[in-house]
Amino acid sequence: MQRAALLDAARSLLSEGGTEALTFPALAERTGLARSSVYEYFRSRAAVVEELCEVDFPLWAAEVAAAMSRADSPEGKVEAYVRRQLALVGDRRHRAVVAISASELDAGAREKIRAAHGELVAMIVEALGEMGQEEPRLAAMLLQGVVDAAVRRIELGAEDPAAVTDAAVRMALRGVRG
């Protein structure tokens, strides 16, 4: 339970103040633990980040996969893939992941993030193949680039998130149809 409380506090700190806010004193304060107790659970900030990736990325991916499974066509799967990821932008798990991704991480944490992104991209490869993409893996990576760009626009707050989402879906579907 303490580990879960520490991870929850880490998510909050990251989503509120970015990686600079994720400190062991701040974790201790948020959870009511002694600072030395935090070190019993995690050896470093990078260890906190790695565990957040291990816990949160699969949940996020499961939500995207569930949305895709409800679609009845490859185009519907592409739309669900884009829409669900963009709907998650406001979720604090996502804000924490973005803060993590923007930070200076050790090789282990960066590899976990890369692997999790690879799993997300792999979800859409089959649908893109069914749509006739000659290189569905490459198309999936490029499609994820559209999603990532839309995420950045939503996070900037310059445009209406629904308009950004609709534009990203249109661009994605036009792009994968060829």
C-alpha atoms as a PDB file:
ATOM      1  CA  MET A   1       0.000   0.000   0.000  1.00  0.00           C
ATOM      2  CA  GLN A   2       2.882   2.357   0.748  1.00  0.00           C
ATOM      3  CA  ARG A   3       4.391   1.695  -2.679  1.00  0.00           C
ATOM      4  CA  ALA A   4       1.061   2.466  -4.344  1.00  0.00           C
ATOM      5  CA  ALA A   5       0.735   5.657  -2.303  1.00  0.00           C
ATOM      6  CA  LEU A   6       4.249   6.699  -3.339  1.00  0.00           C
ATOM      7  CA  LEU A   7       3.453   6.065  -7.014  1.00  0.00           C
ATOM      8  CA  ASP A   8       0.213   8.011  -6.716  1.00  0.00           C
ATOM      9  CA  ALA A   9       2.093  10.900  -5.114  1.00  0.00           C
ATOM     10  CA  ALA A  10       4.714  10.704  -7.878  1.00  0.00           C
ATOM     11  CA  ARG A  11       1.979  10.938 -10.543  1.00  0.00           C
ATOM     12  CA  SER A  12       0.545  14.007  -8.855  1.00  0.00           C
ATOM     13  CA  LEU A  13       3.914  15.687  -8.487  1.00  0.00           C
ATOM     14  CA  LEU A  14       4.848  14.994 -12.097  1.00  0.00           C
ATOM     15  CA  SER A  15       1.525  16.184 -13.491  1.00  0.00           C
ATOM     16  CA  GLU A  16       1.573  19.337 -11.345  1.00  0.00           C
ATOM     17  CA  GLY A  17       5.188  20.398 -11.630  1.00  0.00           C
ATOM     18  CA  GLY A  18       7.071  18.172 -14.045  1.00  0.00           C
ATOM     19  CA  THR A  19      10.164  16.202 -13.212  1.00  0.00           C
ATOM     20  CA  GLU A  20      11.645  18.981 -11.080  1.00  0.00           C
ATOM     21  CA  ALA A  21       8.769  18.453  -8.620  1.00  0.00           C
ATOM     22  CA  LEU A  22       9.512  14.743  -8.240  1.00  0.00           C
ATOM     23  CA  THR A  23      11.848  14.718  -5.261  1.00  0.00           C
ATOM     24  CA  PHE A  24      12.114  12.320  -2.365  1.00  0.00           C
ATOM     25  CA  PRO A  25      11.318  15.067   0.186  1.00  0.00           C
ATOM     26  CA  ALA A  26       8.171  15.928  -1.801  1.00  0.00           C
ATOM     27  CA  LEU A  27       7.191  12.235  -1.996  1.00  0.00           C
ATOM     28  CA  ALA A  28       7.700  11.906   1.742  1.00  0.00           C
ATOM     29  CA  GLU A  29       5.608  14.990   2.424  1.00  0.00           C
ATOM     30  CA  ARG A  30       2.765  13.861   0.144  1.00  0.00           C
ATOM     31  CA  THR A  31       2.598  10.400   1.676  1.00  0.00           C
ATOM     32  CA  GLY A  32       3.352  11.281   5.287  1.00  0.00           C
ATOM     33  CA  LEU A  33       6.389   9.026   5.283  1.00  0.00           C
ATOM     34  CA  ALA A  34       9.824   9.849   6.554  1.00  0.00           C
ATOM     35  CA  ARG A  35      12.227  10.712   3.769  1.00  0.00           C
ATOM     36  CA  SER A  36      14.379   7.713   4.687  1.00  0.00           C
ATOM     37  CA  SER A  37      11.317   5.478   4.229  1.00  0.00           C
ATOM     38  CA  VAL A  38      10.988   6.565   0.608  1.00  0.00           C
ATOM     39  CA  TYR A  39      14.484   5.201  -0.003  1.00  0.00           C
ATOM     40  CA  GLU A  40      13.318   1.811   1.312  1.00  0.00           C
ATOM     41  CA  TYR A  41      10.959   1.587  -1.666  1.00  0.00           C
ATOM     42  CA  PHE A  42      12.956   3.335  -4.400  1.00  0.00           C
ATOM     43  CA  ARG A  43      16.693   3.803  -4.801  1.00  0.00           C
ATOM     44  CA  SER A  44      16.368   6.858  -7.071  1.00  0.00           C
ATOM     45  CA  ARG A  45      13.997   9.093  -9.018  1.00  0.00           C
ATOM     46  CA  ALA A  46      14.734   6.962 -12.053  1.00  0.00           C
ATOM     47  CA  ALA A  47      13.486   3.892 -10.154  1.00  0.00           C
ATOM     48  CA  VAL A  48      10.218   5.723  -9.432  1.00  0.00           C
ATOM     49  CA  VAL A  49       9.927   6.624 -13.104  1.00  0.00           C
ATOM     50  CA  GLU A  50      10.618   3.038 -14.202  1.00  0.00           C
ATOM     51  CA  GLU A  51       7.933   1.672 -11.920  1.00  0.00           C
ATOM     52  CA  LEU A  52       5.422   4.288 -13.070  1.00  0.00           C
ATOM     53  CA  CYS A  53       6.096   3.164 -16.643  1.00  0.00           C
ATOM     54  CA  GLU A  54       5.653  -0.486 -15.693  1.00  0.00           C
ATOM     55  CA  VAL A  55       2.341   0.252 -13.959  1.00  0.00           C
ATOM     56  CA  ASP A  56       0.772   3.004 -16.073  1.00  0.00           C
ATOM     57  CA  PHE A  57       1.716   2.217 -19.665  1.00  0.00           C
ATOM     58  CA  PRO A  58      -0.059  -1.174 -19.657  1.00  0.00           C
ATOM     59  CA  LEU A  59      -3.229   0.434 -18.263  1.00  0.00           C
ATOM     60  CA  TRP A  60      -3.102   3.132 -20.904  1.00  0.00           C
ATOM     61  CA  ALA A  61      -2.440   0.596 -23.656  1.00  0.00           C
ATOM     62  CA  ALA A  62      -5.323  -1.564 -22.409  1.00  0.00           C
ATOM     63  CA  GLU A  63      -7.680   1.391 -22.734  1.00  0.00           C
ATOM     64  CA  VAL A  64      -6.527   1.998 -26.305  1.00  0.00           C
ATOM     65  CA  ALA A  65      -6.825  -1.731 -27.129  1.00  0.00           C
ATOM     66  CA  ALA A  66     -10.334  -1.876 -25.649  1.00  0.00           C
ATOM     67  CA  ALA A  67     -11.437   1.085 -27.760  1.00  0.00           C
ATOM     68  CA  MET A  68      -9.952  -0.538 -30.862  1.00  0.00           C
ATOM     69  CA  SER A  69     -11.650  -3.876 -30.130  1.00  0.00           C
ATOM     70  CA  ARG A  70     -15.056  -2.204 -30.252  1.00  0.00           C
ATOM     71  CA  ALA A  71     -14.431  -1.016 -33.841  1.00  0.00           C
ATOM     72  CA  ASP A  72     -15.754  -3.180 -36.653  1.00  0.00           C
ATOM     73  CA  SER A  73     -13.396  -2.116 -39.449  1.00  0.00           C
ATOM     74  CA  PRO A  74      -9.704  -1.318 -39.878  1.00  0.00           C
ATOM     75  CA  GLU A  75     -10.600   2.354 -40.381  1.00  0.00           C
ATOM     76  CA  GLY A  76     -12.629   2.257 -37.176  1.00  0.00           C
ATOM     77  CA  LYS A  77      -9.638   0.775 -35.361  1.00  0.00           C
ATOM     78  CA  VAL A  78      -7.407   3.597 -36.612  1.00  0.00           C
ATOM     79  CA  GLU A  79      -9.954   6.173 -35.501  1.00  0.00           C
ATOM     80  CA  ALA A  80     -10.313   4.521 -32.078  1.00  0.00           C
ATOM     81  CA  TYR A  81      -6.512   4.328 -31.742  1.00  0.00           C
ATOM     82  CA  VAL A  82      -6.164   8.061 -32.329  1.00  0.00           C
ATOM     83  CA  ARG A  83      -9.236   9.190 -30.382  1.00  0.00           C
ATOM     84  CA  ARG A  84      -8.566   7.109 -27.277  1.00  0.00           C
ATOM     85  CA  GLN A  85      -4.955   8.244 -26.990  1.00  0.00           C
ATOM     86  CA  LEU A  86      -5.996  11.868 -27.339  1.00  0.00           C
ATOM     87  CA  ALA A  87      -8.822  11.425 -24.827  1.00  0.00           C
ATOM     88  CA  LEU A  88      -6.216  10.259 -22.318  1.00  0.00           C
ATOM     89  CA  VAL A  89      -4.255  13.515 -22.591  1.00  0.00           C
ATOM     90  CA  GLY A  90      -6.138  15.042 -19.653  1.00  0.00           C
ATOM     91  CA  ASP A  91      -5.565  11.991 -17.457  1.00  0.00           C
ATOM     92  CA  ARG A  92      -2.889  12.578 -14.820  1.00  0.00           C
ATOM     93  CA  ARG A  93      -1.242   9.269 -15.760  1.00  0.00           C
ATOM     94  CA  HIS A  94      -0.642  10.778 -19.171  1.00  0.00           C
ATOM     95  CA  ARG A  95       0.580  14.081 -17.791  1.00  0.00           C
ATOM     96  CA  ALA A  96       3.007  12.149 -15.627  1.00  0.00           C
ATOM     97  CA  VAL A  97       4.235  10.118 -18.605  1.00  0.00           C
ATOM     98  CA  VAL A  98       4.742  13.309 -20.635  1.00  0.00           C
ATOM     99  CA  ALA A  99       6.695  14.866 -17.782  1.00  0.00           C
ATOM    100  CA  ILE A 100       8.756  11.703 -17.531  1.00  0.00           C
ATOM    101  CA  SER A 101       9.415  11.597 -21.265  1.00  0.00           C
ATOM    102  CA  ALA A 102      10.626  15.187 -21.276  1.00  0.00           C
ATOM    103  CA  SER A 103      13.154  14.605 -18.536  1.00  0.00           C
ATOM    104  CA  GLU A 104      16.699  13.416 -18.425  1.00  0.00           C
ATOM    105  CA  LEU A 105      16.355   9.713 -17.664  1.00  0.00           C
ATOM    106  CA  ASP A 106      18.773   6.896 -17.224  1.00  0.00           C
ATOM    107  CA  ALA A 107      19.062   4.262 -19.948  1.00  0.00           C
ATOM    108  CA  GLY A 108      16.786   1.786 -18.148  1.00  0.00           C
ATOM    109  CA  ALA A 109      13.917   4.238 -17.818  1.00  0.00           C
ATOM    110  CA  ARG A 110      14.298   5.423 -21.431  1.00  0.00           C
ATOM    111  CA  GLU A 111      14.240   1.818 -22.636  1.00  0.00           C
ATOM    112  CA  LYS A 112      11.038   1.094 -20.705  1.00  0.00           C
ATOM    113  CA  ILE A 113       9.362   4.116 -22.282  1.00  0.00           C
ATOM    114  CA  ARG A 114      10.567   3.077 -25.750  1.00  0.00           C
ATOM    115  CA  ALA A 115       9.322  -0.471 -25.254  1.00  0.00           C
ATOM    116  CA  ALA A 116       5.926   0.721 -24.034  1.00  0.00           C
ATOM    117  CA  HIS A 117       5.583   3.041 -27.032  1.00  0.00           C
ATOM    118  CA  GLY A 118       6.558   0.142 -29.274  1.00  0.00           C
ATOM    119  CA  GLU A 119       3.765  -1.960 -27.793  1.00  0.00           C
ATOM    120  CA  LEU A 120       1.299   0.846 -28.446  1.00  0.00           C
ATOM    121  CA  VAL A 121       2.431   1.196 -32.061  1.00  0.00           C
ATOM    122  CA  ALA A 122       2.275  -2.591 -32.544  1.00  0.00           C
ATOM    123  CA  MET A 123      -1.455  -2.531 -31.741  1.00  0.00           C
ATOM    124  CA  ILE A 124      -2.321  -0.753 -34.962  1.00  0.00           C
ATOM    125  CA  VAL A 125      -0.018  -2.614 -37.373  1.00  0.00           C
ATOM    126  CA  GLU A 126      -2.542  -5.333 -38.236  1.00  0.00           C
ATOM    127  CA  ALA A 127      -5.322  -2.855 -39.032  1.00  0.00           C
ATOM    128  CA  LEU A 128      -2.968  -0.889 -41.268  1.00  0.00           C
ATOM    129  CA  GLY A 129      -1.996  -4.096 -43.080  1.00  0.00           C
ATOM    130  CA  GLU A 130      -5.692  -4.850 -43.617  1.00  0.00           C
ATOM    131  CA  MET A 131      -6.033  -1.393 -45.136  1.00  0.00           C
ATOM    132  CA  GLY A 132      -3.406  -2.276 -47.731  1.00  0.00           C
ATOM    133  CA  GLN A 133      -0.371  -0.531 -46.287  1.00  0.00           C
ATOM    134  CA  GLU A 134       2.711  -2.091 -47.869  1.00  0.00           C
ATOM    135  CA  GLU A 135       4.803  -1.265 -44.800  1.00  0.00           C
ATOM    136  CA  PRO A 136       2.300  -1.351 -41.938  1.00  0.00           C
ATOM    137  CA  ARG A 137       4.949  -1.066 -39.188  1.00  0.00           C
ATOM    138  CA  LEU A 138       6.372   2.097 -40.726  1.00  0.00           C
ATOM    139  CA  ALA A 139       2.849   3.432 -41.275  1.00  0.00           C
ATOM    140  CA  ALA A 140       2.079   2.713 -37.599  1.00  0.00           C
ATOM    141  CA  MET A 141       5.123   4.677 -36.457  1.00  0.00           C
ATOM    142  CA  LEU A 142       4.162   7.605 -38.679  1.00  0.00           C
ATOM    143  CA  LEU A 143       0.563   7.414 -37.448  1.00  0.00           C
ATOM    144  CA  GLN A 144       1.865   7.595 -33.873  1.00  0.00           C
ATOM    145  CA  GLY A 145       3.754  10.717 -34.933  1.00  0.00           C
ATOM    146  CA  VAL A 146       0.427  12.331 -35.854  1.00  0.00           C
ATOM    147  CA  VAL A 147      -0.947  11.336 -32.435  1.00  0.00           C
ATOM    148  CA  ASP A 148       2.137  12.697 -30.659  1.00  0.00           C
ATOM    149  CA  ALA A 149       1.870  16.009 -32.519  1.00  0.00           C
ATOM    150  CA  ALA A 150      -1.828  16.255 -31.611  1.00  0.00           C
ATOM    151  CA  VAL A 151      -0.972  15.519 -27.966  1.00  0.00           C
ATOM    152  CA  ARG A 152       1.466  18.445 -27.963  1.00  0.00           C
ATOM    153  CA  ARG A 153      -1.155  20.775 -29.477  1.00  0.00           C
ATOM    154  CA  ILE A 154      -3.728  19.752 -26.878  1.00  0.00           C
ATOM    155  CA  GLU A 155      -1.221  20.218 -24.070  1.00  0.00           C
ATOM    156  CA  LEU A 156      -0.378  23.715 -25.298  1.00  0.00           C
ATOM    157  CA  GLY A 157      -4.028  24.629 -24.904  1.00  0.00           C
ATOM    158  CA  ALA A 158      -3.998  26.863 -27.978  1.00  0.00           C
ATOM    159  CA  GLU A 159      -6.821  25.000 -29.733  1.00  0.00           C
ATOM    160  CA  ASP A 160      -9.962  23.200 -28.667  1.00  0.00           C
ATOM    161  CA  PRO A 161      -9.004  19.570 -27.865  1.00  0.00           C
ATOM    162  CA  ALA A 162     -12.019  18.249 -29.791  1.00  0.00           C
ATOM    163  CA  ALA A 163     -10.954  20.194 -32.896  1.00  0.00           C
ATOM    164  CA  VAL A 164      -7.388  18.899 -32.602  1.00  0.00           C
ATOM    165  CA  THR A 165      -8.684  15.345 -32.153  1.00  0.00           C
ATOM    166  CA  ASP A 166     -10.998  15.585 -35.174  1.00  0.00           C
ATOM    167  CA  ALA A 167      -8.197  17.036 -37.309  1.00  0.00           C
ATOM    168  CA  ALA A 168      -5.796  14.282 -36.204  1.00  0.00           C
ATOM    169  CA  VAL A 169      -8.365  11.586 -37.024  1.00  0.00           C
ATOM    170  CA  ARG A 170      -8.998  13.084 -40.483  1.00  0.00           C
ATOM    171  CA  MET A 171      -5.267  13.361 -41.167  1.00  0.00           C
ATOM    172  CA  ALA A 172      -4.626   9.827 -39.932  1.00  0.00           C
ATOM    173  CA  LEU A 173      -7.401   8.265 -41.981  1.00  0.00           C
ATOM    174  CA  ARG A 174      -6.480  10.176 -45.135  1.00  0.00           C
ATOM    175  CA  GLY A 175      -2.848   9.250 -44.665  1.00  0.00           C
ATOM    176  CA  VAL A 176      -3.370   5.548 -44.096  1.00  0.00           C
ATOM    177  CA  ARG A 177      -5.868   5.240 -46.938  1.00  0.00           C
ATOM    178  CA  GLY A 178      -3.310   6.695 -49.329  1.00  0.00           C
END
